[in-house]
Every structure is written in C-alpha cells, then in structure tokens.
C-alpha cells in the first residue's frame, strides 16, 4: 500500500486559499452561466466636452535665432510647454510649442490646446511670460502672444 504524504508549507497554504477564494467568487457570481464567469460591465463615463484652440507665441527680433526657414527662441526653451490650470490651480491641459517658423520678422512658435469646456476661468502659463488669467470666451479669441 502506498502512502500519500501531504506537505503543508506556507506556499501550498497560500495556493489552497487562493483557489478556494476563486471558487467561492465564481459560485457567488453564478458559474452556471457564461455571464457569471466575467465581471459585470461598467458603463463608460460620458466624455467631457472639449474645444481646441490654436495659438502662437511670437518672439521679436533679438529674441530668436534663425535656422534656415525656421527659428528658435533664445530665451524660450525648445522643449517649453504651455500649461493650463483650472480655477483651483490644478493642471488640466498642456501643449508643447511646435518648431518655430519665421513670420513677418518674428519667430512664431505655434501650439494647439485642447481644453475641457465649462471651467469658466483658466490660468495659462506661458514660457517667459508667466501665468495669465483667461475666461473661456477670451481663450476662444486668443491666442497670439508677443513677448518682448
């Protein structure tokens, strides 16, 4: 006659408890149906409406270096971003400045913001210019800022 030895180690106890928990979870969800094997679907939250605002920072002569047809600010870093905050100061959007282009003797650094609608007031932090308050209506008319 062969004897079966059962070794209870911490690892086997943990595995046994995990299997028991899974079995209990399935029985509570009704494993007799296919639906019982899967979690109930969670309805998707309706997306918050947004709007897109194109803009640009224009650097006057002396504040940029021309590079062929393009340009780069001497005081505004190439990796600079526009940061938008809500009335409580939380960041709600940001946009990197695109590569500069020469426009009418200035270096224009374009950007595009996608903002959540309905915040009322926003703070927009421009590189080298600082945080400025705007209403939703003002932002829609914005955004061309000349520094210098």
N, C-alpha and C. Protein backbone atom coordinates (compact mmCIF):
# COMPACT_ATOMS: atom_id res chain seq x y z
N UNK A 1 0.83 -1.17 0.00
CA UNK A 1 0.00 0.00 0.00
C UNK A 1 0.89 1.24 0.00
N UNK A 2 0.53 2.17 -0.85
CA UNK A 2 1.31 3.39 -0.98
C UNK A 2 0.67 4.47 -0.12
N UNK A 3 1.53 5.14 0.59
CA UNK A 3 1.04 6.24 1.42
C UNK A 3 1.24 7.56 0.70
N UNK A 4 0.25 8.39 0.80
CA UNK A 4 0.33 9.72 0.21
C UNK A 4 0.68 10.70 1.32
N UNK A 5 1.75 11.39 1.13
CA UNK A 5 2.15 12.39 2.12
C UNK A 5 1.73 13.77 1.64
N UNK A 6 1.15 14.51 2.51
CA UNK A 6 0.72 15.86 2.20
C UNK A 6 1.64 16.81 2.95
N UNK A 7 2.32 17.60 2.18
CA UNK A 7 3.24 18.56 2.78
C UNK A 7 2.58 19.93 2.84
N UNK A 8 2.40 20.43 4.02
CA UNK A 8 1.81 21.76 4.19
C UNK A 8 2.94 22.76 4.42
N UNK A 9 3.20 23.50 3.41
CA UNK A 9 4.19 24.57 3.50
C UNK A 9 3.45 25.89 3.36
N UNK A 10 4.06 26.98 3.72
CA UNK A 10 3.38 28.26 3.56
C UNK A 10 2.93 28.50 2.11
N UNK A 11 3.71 28.08 1.15
CA UNK A 11 3.34 28.29 -0.25
C UNK A 11 2.11 27.47 -0.62
N UNK A 12 2.02 26.20 -0.17
CA UNK A 12 0.86 25.39 -0.52
C UNK A 12 -0.39 25.90 0.17
N UNK A 13 -0.24 26.43 1.36
CA UNK A 13 -1.40 27.00 2.07
C UNK A 13 -1.91 28.24 1.31
N UNK A 14 -1.02 29.09 0.87
CA UNK A 14 -1.41 30.29 0.13
C UNK A 14 -2.11 29.90 -1.17
N UNK A 15 -1.58 28.91 -1.88
CA UNK A 15 -2.20 28.46 -3.13
C UNK A 15 -3.58 27.89 -2.87
N UNK A 16 -3.72 27.09 -1.82
CA UNK A 16 -5.01 26.49 -1.49
C UNK A 16 -6.03 27.57 -1.15
N UNK A 17 -5.63 28.57 -0.37
CA UNK A 17 -6.54 29.66 -0.02
C UNK A 17 -6.94 30.47 -1.25
N UNK A 18 -6.00 30.70 -2.16
CA UNK A 18 -6.32 31.45 -3.37
C UNK A 18 -7.32 30.69 -4.23
N UNK A 19 -7.13 29.39 -4.39
CA UNK A 19 -8.06 28.57 -5.17
C UNK A 19 -9.44 28.55 -4.53
N UNK A 20 -9.49 28.49 -3.21
CA UNK A 20 -10.77 28.50 -2.51
C UNK A 20 -11.49 29.83 -2.72
N UNK A 21 -10.73 30.93 -2.68
CA UNK A 21 -11.33 32.25 -2.88
C UNK A 21 -11.90 32.38 -4.29
N UNK A 22 -11.19 31.86 -5.27
CA UNK A 22 -11.67 31.91 -6.65
C UNK A 22 -12.94 31.09 -6.79
N UNK A 23 -12.96 29.91 -6.18
CA UNK A 23 -14.13 29.04 -6.27
C UNK A 23 -15.34 29.70 -5.62
N UNK A 24 -15.15 30.31 -4.47
CA UNK A 24 -16.25 30.99 -3.79
C UNK A 24 -16.73 32.17 -4.64
N UNK A 25 -15.79 32.92 -5.23
CA UNK A 25 -16.17 34.06 -6.07
C UNK A 25 -16.99 33.62 -7.26
N UNK A 26 -16.61 32.52 -7.91
CA UNK A 26 -17.38 32.03 -9.04
C UNK A 26 -18.76 31.54 -8.62
N UNK A 27 -18.85 30.88 -7.48
CA UNK A 27 -20.15 30.37 -7.07
C UNK A 27 -21.09 31.51 -6.69
N UNK A 28 -20.53 32.59 -6.14
CA UNK A 28 -21.35 33.74 -5.80
C UNK A 28 -21.83 34.48 -7.05
N UNK A 29 -21.09 34.39 -8.14
CA UNK A 29 -21.45 35.10 -9.36
C UNK A 29 -22.32 34.24 -10.26
N UNK A 30 -22.50 32.98 -9.93
CA UNK A 30 -23.36 32.13 -10.74
C UNK A 30 -22.62 31.49 -11.90
N UNK A 31 -21.76 30.53 -11.61
CA UNK A 31 -20.95 29.92 -12.66
C UNK A 31 -21.76 29.04 -13.59
N UNK A 32 -23.04 28.86 -13.31
CA UNK A 32 -23.85 28.04 -14.19
C UNK A 32 -24.14 28.75 -15.51
N UNK A 33 -23.81 30.04 -15.58
CA UNK A 33 -23.98 30.76 -16.85
C UNK A 33 -22.64 31.33 -17.27
N UNK A 34 -22.48 31.52 -18.52
CA UNK A 34 -21.25 32.10 -19.05
C UNK A 34 -21.04 33.49 -18.48
N UNK A 35 -22.14 34.22 -18.27
CA UNK A 35 -22.05 35.58 -17.77
C UNK A 35 -21.44 35.60 -16.37
N UNK A 36 -21.65 34.56 -15.59
CA UNK A 36 -21.13 34.52 -14.24
C UNK A 36 -19.62 34.46 -14.17
N UNK A 37 -18.97 34.09 -15.26
CA UNK A 37 -17.51 33.99 -15.28
C UNK A 37 -16.83 35.34 -15.48
N UNK A 38 -17.57 36.32 -15.92
CA UNK A 38 -16.97 37.62 -16.23
C UNK A 38 -17.56 38.69 -15.33
N UNK A 39 -16.78 39.73 -15.12
CA UNK A 39 -17.24 40.85 -14.30
C UNK A 39 -18.36 41.58 -15.04
N UNK A 40 -19.27 42.15 -14.25
CA UNK A 40 -20.33 42.95 -14.85
C UNK A 40 -19.70 44.14 -15.54
N UNK A 41 -20.18 44.49 -16.73
CA UNK A 41 -19.60 45.65 -17.42
C UNK A 41 -19.93 46.93 -16.67
N UNK A 42 -18.96 47.82 -16.67
CA UNK A 42 -19.15 49.13 -16.06
C UNK A 42 -19.47 50.11 -17.18
N UNK A 43 -20.56 50.83 -17.05
CA UNK A 43 -20.88 51.78 -18.12
C UNK A 43 -19.79 52.83 -18.25
N UNK A 44 -19.47 53.19 -19.47
CA UNK A 44 -18.45 54.19 -19.74
C UNK A 44 -18.97 55.57 -19.34
N UNK A 45 -18.10 56.34 -18.73
CA UNK A 45 -18.47 57.69 -18.36
C UNK A 45 -18.59 58.52 -19.63
N UNK A 46 -19.58 59.38 -19.67
CA UNK A 46 -19.71 60.21 -20.86
C UNK A 46 -18.55 61.21 -20.87
N UNK A 47 -17.93 61.36 -22.04
CA UNK A 47 -16.76 62.23 -22.11
C UNK A 47 -17.14 63.69 -21.89
N UNK A 48 -16.23 64.40 -21.27
CA UNK A 48 -16.45 65.82 -21.04
C UNK A 48 -16.21 66.56 -22.35
N UNK A 49 -17.08 67.50 -22.70
CA UNK A 49 -16.87 68.24 -23.95
C UNK A 49 -15.58 69.05 -23.89
N UNK A 50 -14.90 69.10 -25.02
CA UNK A 50 -13.66 69.86 -25.13
C UNK A 50 -13.73 70.78 -26.34
N UNK A 51 -12.81 71.70 -26.39
CA UNK A 51 -12.66 72.53 -27.58
C UNK A 51 -11.18 72.75 -27.81
N UNK A 52 -10.84 73.01 -29.05
CA UNK A 52 -9.44 73.14 -29.45
C UNK A 52 -9.16 74.59 -29.80
N UNK A 53 -8.04 75.09 -29.29
CA UNK A 53 -7.65 76.48 -29.51
C UNK A 53 -6.23 76.51 -30.07
N UNK A 54 -6.07 76.97 -31.31
CA UNK A 54 -4.70 77.15 -31.81
C UNK A 54 -4.14 78.47 -31.31
N UNK A 55 -2.85 78.53 -31.14
CA UNK A 55 -2.23 79.76 -30.69
C UNK A 55 -0.77 79.80 -31.09
N UNK A 56 -0.11 80.88 -30.74
CA UNK A 56 1.31 81.02 -31.05
C UNK A 56 1.93 82.05 -30.13
N UNK A 57 3.19 81.84 -29.84
CA UNK A 57 3.99 82.86 -29.17
C UNK A 57 4.88 83.45 -30.26
N UNK A 58 4.91 84.76 -30.33
CA UNK A 58 5.77 85.44 -31.32
C UNK A 58 6.91 86.13 -30.59
N UNK A 59 8.10 85.81 -31.03
CA UNK A 59 9.30 86.41 -30.46
C UNK A 59 9.83 87.47 -31.42
N UNK A 60 10.02 88.71 -30.95
CA UNK A 60 10.54 89.75 -31.83
C UNK A 60 12.03 89.57 -32.11
N UNK A 61 12.52 90.32 -33.06
CA UNK A 61 13.94 90.30 -33.42
C UNK A 61 14.80 90.47 -32.17
N UNK A 62 15.86 89.72 -32.10
CA UNK A 62 16.76 89.78 -30.95
C UNK A 62 16.44 88.72 -29.90
N UNK A 63 15.26 88.10 -29.98
CA UNK A 63 14.90 87.07 -29.02
C UNK A 63 14.81 85.69 -29.66
N UNK A 64 15.34 85.59 -30.88
CA UNK A 64 15.36 84.28 -31.54
C UNK A 64 16.57 84.19 -32.47
N UNK A 65 16.88 82.98 -32.82
CA UNK A 65 17.95 82.72 -33.79
C UNK A 65 17.33 82.01 -34.99
N UNK A 66 17.56 82.57 -36.18
CA UNK A 66 17.04 81.96 -37.40
C UNK A 66 17.85 80.72 -37.72
N UNK A 67 17.14 79.71 -38.23
CA UNK A 67 17.76 78.44 -38.63
C UNK A 67 17.15 78.03 -39.96
N UNK A 68 17.69 78.57 -41.06
CA UNK A 68 17.08 78.31 -42.38
C UNK A 68 15.72 78.98 -42.44
N UNK A 69 14.68 78.19 -42.74
CA UNK A 69 13.30 78.71 -42.77
C UNK A 69 12.68 78.73 -41.38
N UNK A 70 13.34 78.09 -40.42
CA UNK A 70 12.81 78.01 -39.06
C UNK A 70 13.54 78.94 -38.12
N UNK A 71 13.20 78.85 -36.85
CA UNK A 71 13.84 79.68 -35.84
C UNK A 71 13.68 79.01 -34.48
N UNK A 72 14.46 79.53 -33.56
CA UNK A 72 14.40 79.02 -32.19
C UNK A 72 14.59 80.18 -31.24
N UNK A 73 13.78 80.22 -30.20
CA UNK A 73 13.90 81.30 -29.23
C UNK A 73 15.21 81.23 -28.47
N UNK A 74 15.74 82.40 -28.12
CA UNK A 74 16.96 82.43 -27.32
C UNK A 74 16.64 82.41 -25.83
N UNK A 75 15.43 82.86 -25.47
CA UNK A 75 15.03 82.83 -24.06
C UNK A 75 13.97 81.78 -23.79
N UNK A 76 13.22 81.38 -24.81
CA UNK A 76 12.21 80.34 -24.66
C UNK A 76 12.84 79.02 -25.09
N UNK A 77 12.88 78.07 -24.19
CA UNK A 77 13.50 76.77 -24.49
C UNK A 77 12.74 76.03 -25.58
N UNK A 78 13.43 75.24 -26.40
CA UNK A 78 12.75 74.48 -27.45
C UNK A 78 11.75 73.46 -26.92
N UNK A 79 11.95 72.97 -25.69
CA UNK A 79 11.04 71.97 -25.12
C UNK A 79 9.97 72.60 -24.22
N UNK A 80 9.81 73.92 -24.29
CA UNK A 80 8.85 74.62 -23.44
C UNK A 80 7.42 74.20 -23.76
N UNK A 81 6.56 74.32 -22.77
CA UNK A 81 5.15 73.96 -22.93
C UNK A 81 4.26 75.07 -22.39
N UNK A 82 3.07 75.12 -22.96
CA UNK A 82 2.01 75.97 -22.43
C UNK A 82 1.24 75.11 -21.45
N UNK A 83 1.02 75.59 -20.23
CA UNK A 83 0.31 74.82 -19.20
C UNK A 83 -0.97 75.57 -18.84
N UNK A 84 -2.09 74.83 -18.79
CA UNK A 84 -3.39 75.42 -18.48
C UNK A 84 -3.87 74.85 -17.15
N UNK A 85 -4.36 75.73 -16.27
CA UNK A 85 -4.87 75.31 -14.97
C UNK A 85 -6.34 75.70 -14.82
N UNK A 86 -7.02 74.99 -13.94
CA UNK A 86 -8.41 75.33 -13.63
C UNK A 86 -8.43 76.39 -12.53
N UNK A 87 -9.61 76.86 -12.11
CA UNK A 87 -9.66 77.90 -11.07
C UNK A 87 -8.99 77.48 -9.75
N UNK A 88 -8.92 76.18 -9.48
CA UNK A 88 -8.27 75.70 -8.26
C UNK A 88 -6.77 75.54 -8.39
N UNK A 89 -6.22 75.78 -9.59
CA UNK A 89 -4.78 75.67 -9.79
C UNK A 89 -4.30 74.32 -10.28
N UNK A 90 -5.21 73.36 -10.49
CA UNK A 90 -4.81 72.03 -10.99
C UNK A 90 -4.57 72.10 -12.50
N UNK A 91 -3.53 71.42 -12.96
CA UNK A 91 -3.23 71.38 -14.39
C UNK A 91 -4.30 70.56 -15.09
N UNK A 92 -4.91 71.15 -16.13
CA UNK A 92 -5.96 70.45 -16.87
C UNK A 92 -5.58 70.21 -18.32
N UNK A 93 -4.54 70.89 -18.79
CA UNK A 93 -4.10 70.69 -20.17
C UNK A 93 -2.69 71.27 -20.32
N UNK A 94 -2.01 70.77 -21.31
CA UNK A 94 -0.72 71.36 -21.66
C UNK A 94 -0.46 71.07 -23.13
N UNK A 95 0.40 71.87 -23.72
CA UNK A 95 0.74 71.70 -25.12
C UNK A 95 2.18 72.14 -25.33
N UNK A 96 2.94 71.33 -26.04
CA UNK A 96 4.31 71.74 -26.35
C UNK A 96 4.31 72.80 -27.45
N UNK A 97 5.32 73.62 -27.45
CA UNK A 97 5.49 74.56 -28.54
C UNK A 97 6.05 73.80 -29.74
N UNK A 98 5.49 74.05 -30.91
CA UNK A 98 5.97 73.42 -32.13
C UNK A 98 7.24 74.13 -32.59
N UNK A 99 7.98 73.53 -33.51
CA UNK A 99 9.18 74.21 -34.03
C UNK A 99 8.83 75.59 -34.58
N UNK A 100 9.74 76.53 -34.38
CA UNK A 100 9.50 77.90 -34.79
C UNK A 100 9.57 78.10 -36.29
N UNK A 101 8.82 79.11 -36.76
CA UNK A 101 8.86 79.49 -38.17
C UNK A 101 8.94 81.02 -38.24
N UNK A 102 9.63 81.52 -39.24
CA UNK A 102 9.78 82.96 -39.42
C UNK A 102 8.54 83.53 -40.07
N UNK A 103 7.94 84.54 -39.40
CA UNK A 103 6.72 85.18 -39.90
C UNK A 103 6.85 86.69 -39.68
N UNK A 104 6.92 87.45 -40.75
CA UNK A 104 6.95 88.92 -40.67
C UNK A 104 7.98 89.45 -39.68
N UNK A 105 9.18 88.97 -39.73
CA UNK A 105 10.25 89.46 -38.86
C UNK A 105 10.19 88.97 -37.43
N UNK A 106 9.33 88.01 -37.16
CA UNK A 106 9.25 87.42 -35.82
C UNK A 106 9.46 85.91 -35.92
N UNK A 107 9.71 85.30 -34.80
CA UNK A 107 9.78 83.84 -34.71
C UNK A 107 8.49 83.38 -34.06
N UNK A 108 7.68 82.68 -34.83
CA UNK A 108 6.39 82.22 -34.32
C UNK A 108 6.52 80.77 -33.86
N UNK A 109 6.15 80.53 -32.61
CA UNK A 109 6.17 79.19 -32.01
C UNK A 109 4.72 78.76 -31.79
N UNK A 110 4.14 78.00 -32.73
CA UNK A 110 2.73 77.64 -32.62
C UNK A 110 2.49 76.52 -31.59
N UNK A 111 1.26 76.47 -31.13
CA UNK A 111 0.81 75.40 -30.23
C UNK A 111 -0.68 75.21 -30.42
N UNK A 112 -1.20 74.08 -29.98
CA UNK A 112 -2.63 73.81 -30.03
C UNK A 112 -3.06 73.26 -28.68
N UNK A 113 -4.03 73.90 -28.06
CA UNK A 113 -4.57 73.46 -26.77
C UNK A 113 -5.90 72.76 -26.98
N UNK A 114 -6.09 71.65 -26.30
CA UNK A 114 -7.41 71.00 -26.23
C UNK A 114 -7.86 71.13 -24.79
N UNK A 115 -8.91 71.92 -24.59
CA UNK A 115 -9.35 72.27 -23.23
C UNK A 115 -10.72 71.70 -22.92
N UNK A 116 -10.94 71.32 -21.65
CA UNK A 116 -12.28 70.92 -21.24
C UNK A 116 -13.17 72.15 -21.18
N UNK A 117 -14.37 72.02 -21.71
CA UNK A 117 -15.31 73.14 -21.71
C UNK A 117 -15.97 73.28 -20.34
N UNK A 118 -16.44 74.47 -20.05
CA UNK A 118 -17.25 74.69 -18.86
C UNK A 118 -16.48 74.98 -17.59
N UNK A 119 -15.21 75.27 -17.66
CA UNK A 119 -14.46 75.59 -16.45
C UNK A 119 -14.63 77.05 -16.05
N UNK A 120 -15.11 77.87 -16.97
CA UNK A 120 -15.33 79.29 -16.67
C UNK A 120 -14.07 80.11 -16.81
N UNK A 121 -13.14 79.89 -15.91
CA UNK A 121 -11.87 80.62 -15.93
C UNK A 121 -10.72 79.64 -16.00
N UNK A 122 -9.66 80.07 -16.65
CA UNK A 122 -8.47 79.25 -16.81
C UNK A 122 -7.25 80.12 -16.50
N UNK A 123 -6.20 79.47 -16.10
CA UNK A 123 -4.90 80.14 -15.99
C UNK A 123 -4.01 79.53 -17.05
N UNK A 124 -3.36 80.37 -17.84
CA UNK A 124 -2.46 79.86 -18.87
C UNK A 124 -1.07 80.35 -18.54
N UNK A 125 -0.16 79.41 -18.39
CA UNK A 125 1.23 79.71 -18.05
C UNK A 125 2.06 79.64 -19.32
N UNK A 126 2.49 80.80 -19.80
CA UNK A 126 3.31 80.90 -21.00
C UNK A 126 4.79 80.94 -20.59
N UNK A 127 5.66 80.26 -21.34
CA UNK A 127 7.09 80.34 -21.03
C UNK A 127 7.56 81.79 -21.11
N UNK A 128 8.37 82.20 -20.17
CA UNK A 128 8.96 83.53 -20.10
C UNK A 128 7.93 84.64 -19.90
N UNK A 129 6.67 84.31 -19.77
CA UNK A 129 5.65 85.35 -19.62
C UNK A 129 4.88 85.18 -18.33
N UNK A 130 4.74 83.93 -17.88
CA UNK A 130 4.08 83.67 -16.62
C UNK A 130 2.61 83.33 -16.76
N UNK A 131 1.97 83.16 -15.62
CA UNK A 131 0.57 82.76 -15.54
C UNK A 131 -0.34 83.95 -15.78
N UNK A 132 -1.28 83.76 -16.71
CA UNK A 132 -2.23 84.82 -17.03
C UNK A 132 -3.64 84.26 -16.94
N UNK A 133 -4.61 85.01 -16.36
CA UNK A 133 -5.99 84.53 -16.27
C UNK A 133 -6.76 84.81 -17.57
N UNK A 134 -7.59 83.85 -17.95
CA UNK A 134 -8.45 83.99 -19.14
C UNK A 134 -9.80 83.35 -18.84
N UNK A 135 -10.85 83.93 -19.40
CA UNK A 135 -12.15 83.27 -19.35
C UNK A 135 -12.25 82.36 -20.58
N UNK A 136 -13.23 81.50 -20.57
CA UNK A 136 -13.42 80.59 -21.70
C UNK A 136 -13.67 81.39 -22.99
N UNK A 137 -14.40 82.47 -22.90
CA UNK A 137 -14.68 83.31 -24.06
C UNK A 137 -13.39 83.96 -24.58
N UNK A 138 -12.55 84.46 -23.67
CA UNK A 138 -11.30 85.11 -24.08
C UNK A 138 -10.35 84.11 -24.75
N UNK A 139 -10.32 82.89 -24.25
CA UNK A 139 -9.43 81.88 -24.83
C UNK A 139 -9.84 81.58 -26.26
N UNK A 140 -11.12 81.54 -26.52
CA UNK A 140 -11.60 81.25 -27.88
C UNK A 140 -11.10 82.30 -28.86
N UNK A 141 -10.90 83.54 -28.39
CA UNK A 141 -10.42 84.61 -29.26
C UNK A 141 -8.90 84.73 -29.26
N UNK A 142 -8.25 84.08 -28.34
CA UNK A 142 -6.85 84.23 -28.06
C UNK A 142 -6.03 84.02 -29.30
N UNK A 143 -5.24 83.18 -29.49
CA UNK A 143 -4.10 83.12 -28.61
C UNK A 143 -2.90 83.43 -29.45
N UNK A 144 -2.57 84.66 -29.45
CA UNK A 144 -1.35 85.07 -30.12
C UNK A 144 -0.70 86.05 -29.17
N UNK A 145 0.45 85.70 -28.69
CA UNK A 145 1.10 86.48 -27.66
C UNK A 145 2.47 86.88 -28.17
N UNK A 146 2.78 88.17 -28.10
CA UNK A 146 4.10 88.62 -28.48
C UNK A 146 4.88 88.91 -27.21
N UNK A 147 6.04 88.31 -27.10
CA UNK A 147 6.88 88.51 -25.93
C UNK A 147 7.96 89.54 -26.30
N UNK A 148 8.15 90.51 -25.42
CA UNK A 148 9.25 91.44 -25.63
C UNK A 148 8.83 92.81 -26.02
